[in-house]
């Protein structure tokens, strides 16, 4: 608004009348920029609402686990192969429900919800200081999630394992 007011502040002189067309183009560009900012804010708000719904879903799974005593690790079946160790709920010999999957010889692990033997919703600890918390599809990051890498945090959309779409990145306390 200040830029628009400045663009039309000096309209009393003859030179200002001659230069009105460039000023008008400038004002139009400012309006377009303002519209883009409003659209980005709308999408950021929608992303925040989606993030809150995922948090509520996590709380529901946590309360279900507590109510049914799933957290008692002695009661959960364990599946071991040369590559993984899985402890959690199973149905028809598939990982189904809450569980923890650890990769043998590695710090990598997934803690969360499995659907038909696949990661669905949870936290994947990739390495020391690196984690992804959110939705998965076919064992890759997909949907809304939060990726943390030491001092950098990205909260937003993922597709096919990569950041995709809208999101907010924070590095050392500053936002991008």
Protein backbone atom coordinates (compact mmCIF):
# COMPACT_ATOMS: atom_id res chain seq x y z
CA UNK A 1 0.00 0.00 0.00
CA UNK A 2 2.87 2.40 0.78
CA UNK A 3 4.40 1.63 -2.62
CA UNK A 4 1.07 2.30 -4.37
CA UNK A 5 0.68 5.63 -2.53
CA UNK A 6 4.23 6.62 -3.45
CA UNK A 7 3.64 5.75 -7.11
CA UNK A 8 0.81 8.30 -7.31
CA UNK A 9 2.14 10.89 -4.84
CA UNK A 10 3.56 13.31 -7.43
CA UNK A 11 0.71 13.61 -9.97
CA UNK A 12 0.52 17.45 -9.99
CA UNK A 13 3.39 18.01 -12.43
CA UNK A 14 3.30 17.68 -16.22
CA UNK A 15 6.11 15.11 -16.12
CA UNK A 16 4.01 12.97 -13.77
CA UNK A 17 1.14 12.93 -16.27
CA UNK A 18 3.51 11.77 -19.01
CA UNK A 19 4.81 8.98 -16.77
CA UNK A 20 1.41 7.71 -15.59
CA UNK A 21 1.48 4.58 -17.81
CA UNK A 22 4.68 3.15 -16.25
CA UNK A 23 3.31 4.00 -12.80
CA UNK A 24 0.07 2.22 -13.61
CA UNK A 25 2.00 -0.86 -14.77
CA UNK A 26 3.98 -0.69 -11.53
CA UNK A 27 0.79 -0.53 -9.45
CA UNK A 28 -0.68 -3.47 -11.37
CA UNK A 29 2.47 -5.49 -10.69
CA UNK A 30 2.19 -4.64 -6.97
CA UNK A 31 -1.41 -5.82 -6.92
CA UNK A 32 -0.40 -9.08 -8.62
CA UNK A 33 2.37 -9.58 -6.06
CA UNK A 34 -0.12 -8.96 -3.25
CA UNK A 35 -2.47 -11.56 -4.73
CA UNK A 36 0.38 -14.10 -4.87
CA UNK A 37 1.25 -13.40 -1.22
CA UNK A 38 -2.40 -13.89 -0.21
CA UNK A 39 -2.52 -17.18 -2.15
CA UNK A 40 0.68 -18.40 -0.48
CA UNK A 41 -0.74 -17.48 2.93
CA UNK A 42 -3.95 -19.39 2.13
CA UNK A 43 -1.96 -22.47 1.15
CA UNK A 44 0.24 -22.19 4.26
CA UNK A 45 -2.90 -22.04 6.41
CA UNK A 46 -4.30 -25.14 4.69
CA UNK A 47 -0.97 -26.89 5.29
CA UNK A 48 -1.11 -25.97 8.99
CA UNK A 49 -4.66 -27.38 9.25
CA UNK A 50 -3.51 -30.59 7.56
CA UNK A 51 -0.54 -30.83 9.92
CA UNK A 52 -2.90 -30.46 12.90
CA UNK A 53 -5.13 -33.26 11.60
CA UNK A 54 -2.10 -35.56 11.28
CA UNK A 55 -1.14 -34.72 14.87
CA UNK A 56 -4.67 -35.61 16.02
CA UNK A 57 -4.44 -38.90 14.11
CA UNK A 58 -1.15 -39.70 15.85
CA UNK A 59 -2.76 -38.96 19.23
CA UNK A 60 -5.66 -41.29 18.39
CA UNK A 61 -3.27 -44.12 17.52
CA UNK A 62 -1.29 -43.47 20.70
CA UNK A 63 -4.42 -43.56 22.86
CA UNK A 64 -5.64 -46.74 21.13
CA UNK A 65 -2.26 -48.33 21.81
CA UNK A 66 -2.40 -47.36 25.47
CA UNK A 67 -5.96 -48.63 25.86
CA UNK A 68 -5.20 -52.03 24.39
CA UNK A 69 -1.79 -52.40 26.05
CA UNK A 70 0.00 -52.59 22.71
CA UNK A 71 3.00 -50.82 24.20
CA UNK A 72 3.82 -53.92 26.26
CA UNK A 73 6.60 -55.22 24.01
CA UNK A 74 6.47 -58.74 25.46
CA UNK A 75 3.00 -59.16 23.99
CA UNK A 76 3.97 -58.14 20.46
CA UNK A 77 5.16 -60.66 17.92
CA UNK A 78 8.67 -60.27 16.57
CA UNK A 79 9.74 -60.87 12.98
CA UNK A 80 13.46 -61.20 12.16
CA UNK A 81 15.26 -61.53 8.85
CA UNK A 82 18.86 -60.91 7.83
CA UNK A 83 17.93 -57.28 7.09
CA UNK A 84 15.23 -56.22 9.56
CA UNK A 85 13.83 -56.74 13.04
CA UNK A 86 10.13 -55.94 13.39
CA UNK A 87 8.17 -55.87 16.61
CA UNK A 88 4.52 -54.97 16.38
CA UNK A 89 1.05 -55.94 15.35
CA UNK A 90 0.53 -58.42 12.54
CA UNK A 91 -2.44 -59.73 10.62
CA UNK A 92 -2.33 -62.61 8.13
CA UNK A 93 1.48 -62.70 8.37
CA UNK A 94 1.73 -59.03 7.32
CA UNK A 95 2.81 -56.03 9.40
CA UNK A 96 -0.50 -54.35 10.20
CA UNK A 97 -1.10 -51.73 12.91
CA UNK A 98 1.44 -50.26 15.31
CA UNK A 99 5.02 -51.42 15.19
CA UNK A 100 8.73 -50.69 15.10
CA UNK A 101 10.93 -51.82 12.24
CA UNK A 102 14.73 -51.66 12.65
CA UNK A 103 17.24 -52.26 9.91
CA UNK A 104 19.98 -54.70 10.95
CA UNK A 105 23.44 -53.15 11.30
CA UNK A 106 22.05 -49.63 11.04
CA UNK A 107 20.55 -46.84 13.14
CA UNK A 108 17.64 -46.57 10.70
CA UNK A 109 14.21 -47.44 12.03
CA UNK A 110 10.52 -46.76 11.48
CA UNK A 111 8.08 -46.32 14.36
CA UNK A 112 4.44 -45.99 13.54
CA UNK A 113 1.50 -47.46 11.71
CA UNK A 114 1.78 -50.18 9.09
CA UNK A 115 -0.90 -51.01 6.53
CA UNK A 116 -0.59 -54.19 4.48
CA UNK A 117 3.13 -54.56 5.30
CA UNK A 118 3.93 -50.93 4.26
CA UNK A 119 4.82 -47.78 6.23
CA UNK A 120 1.69 -45.65 6.54
CA UNK A 121 2.09 -42.97 9.21
CA UNK A 122 4.93 -42.50 11.63
CA UNK A 123 8.52 -41.46 12.17
CA UNK A 124 11.43 -42.73 10.10
CA UNK A 125 14.81 -42.15 11.76
CA UNK A 126 17.24 -42.05 8.87
CA UNK A 127 20.49 -41.23 10.61
CA UNK A 128 21.76 -39.46 13.70
CA UNK A 129 19.94 -36.12 13.75
CA UNK A 130 17.88 -36.83 10.62
CA UNK A 131 14.25 -37.89 10.74
CA UNK A 132 10.99 -37.72 8.80
CA UNK A 133 7.66 -37.65 10.57
CA UNK A 134 4.52 -37.96 8.51
CA UNK A 135 2.72 -39.91 5.84
CA UNK A 136 4.12 -42.64 3.59
CA UNK A 137 2.99 -44.40 0.42
CA UNK A 138 4.77 -47.50 -0.85
CA UNK A 139 7.60 -47.08 1.69
CA UNK A 140 8.47 -43.51 0.63
CA UNK A 141 7.62 -40.07 2.01
CA UNK A 142 4.32 -39.01 0.48
CA UNK A 143 1.74 -36.50 1.68
CA UNK A 144 2.35 -34.13 4.55
CA UNK A 145 5.42 -34.50 6.71
CA UNK A 146 8.21 -32.88 8.68
CA UNK A 147 11.83 -33.54 7.73
CA UNK A 148 14.44 -32.64 10.35
CA UNK A 149 18.14 -32.53 9.55
CA UNK A 150 20.13 -31.18 12.50
CA UNK A 151 19.56 -27.38 12.18
CA UNK A 152 17.12 -27.48 9.22
CA UNK A 153 13.41 -28.33 9.49
CA UNK A 154 11.04 -28.57 6.51
CA UNK A 155 7.31 -28.93 7.08
CA UNK A 156 5.26 -29.45 3.97
CA UNK A 157 4.26 -31.70 1.12
CA UNK A 158 6.21 -34.71 -0.16
CA UNK A 159 5.73 -36.85 -3.25
CA UNK A 160 7.73 -39.91 -4.32
CA UNK A 161 10.12 -39.42 -1.40
CA UNK A 162 11.01 -35.81 -2.26
CA UNK A 163 9.85 -32.36 -1.13
CA UNK A 164 7.08 -31.36 -3.51
CA UNK A 165 4.54 -28.56 -3.43
CA UNK A 166 4.17 -26.12 -0.59
CA UNK A 167 6.12 -26.13 2.62
CA UNK A 168 7.99 -24.06 5.14
CA UNK A 169 11.71 -24.45 5.75
CA UNK A 170 13.37 -23.23 8.93
CA UNK A 171 17.13 -23.03 9.30
CA UNK A 172 18.76 -21.88 12.54
CA UNK A 173 15.58 -20.06 13.59
CA UNK A 174 14.91 -18.22 10.29
CA UNK A 175 12.13 -19.14 7.87
CA UNK A 176 12.19 -19.44 4.07
